[in-house]
Amino acid sequence: MSATLPPPWYKSPWPWFLMSIPALAVVGGIAMVVLAITSNDGLVTDDYYKEGQAINETLGRDHAAAALGLSAQVMLADDLRSIRILFDKPVKGPLTLHVLHPTREGQDQHVTLQQQGPQLYAAILPRPLEQPRWNVELADGNHTWRLTGVWKLDSPTPLQLTPER
């Protein structure tokens, strides 16, 4: 009688399956560490009360823009950097434009607009807008009014900024 020997352990699929579970956990853990190191998640504010009180000041700026009857169209050129803003009535400068990423503060961009005419302002952003969605805040240099909106770059129409009511 000849007894057949079982195959070596490494030729069986079950040991490999059981060893792959911890191996995948290690690979996943390394990927998470790399992601945490390379991405900037922004800082959470330390003083929530102060931030809450600042909301009242911000609402006052929105009401001031509504009282002035301001609205504007924001247009982006094909290079994704050149911005033109057309107001519905003449506005005095200086004006600042804040293009804010919804989740990553490190990608926010702030520019001072140059007056091209009584109702037209322009600026060039430091970096192209590569994400499809941005929060936009347009304000005067004295921080007395502001216009806000959500900019969806894939929309075929220019962004219309109107005061919050």
Foldseek 3Di string as FASTA:
>chain_A
DDDDDDDDPVVDVVVVVVVVVVVVVVVVVVVVVVVVVPAAQDDDDPDPPVVVVCVVLQLQQLVLQVVVVKKWWWDADPVQFKIKIFIPFFDDAFKKKWWADPGHRVPIWIDTWDDPDRGMTIDGTPDGDDDQKTKMWMAHPVSRHIWIDIHGPVDPGTDMTHRDD
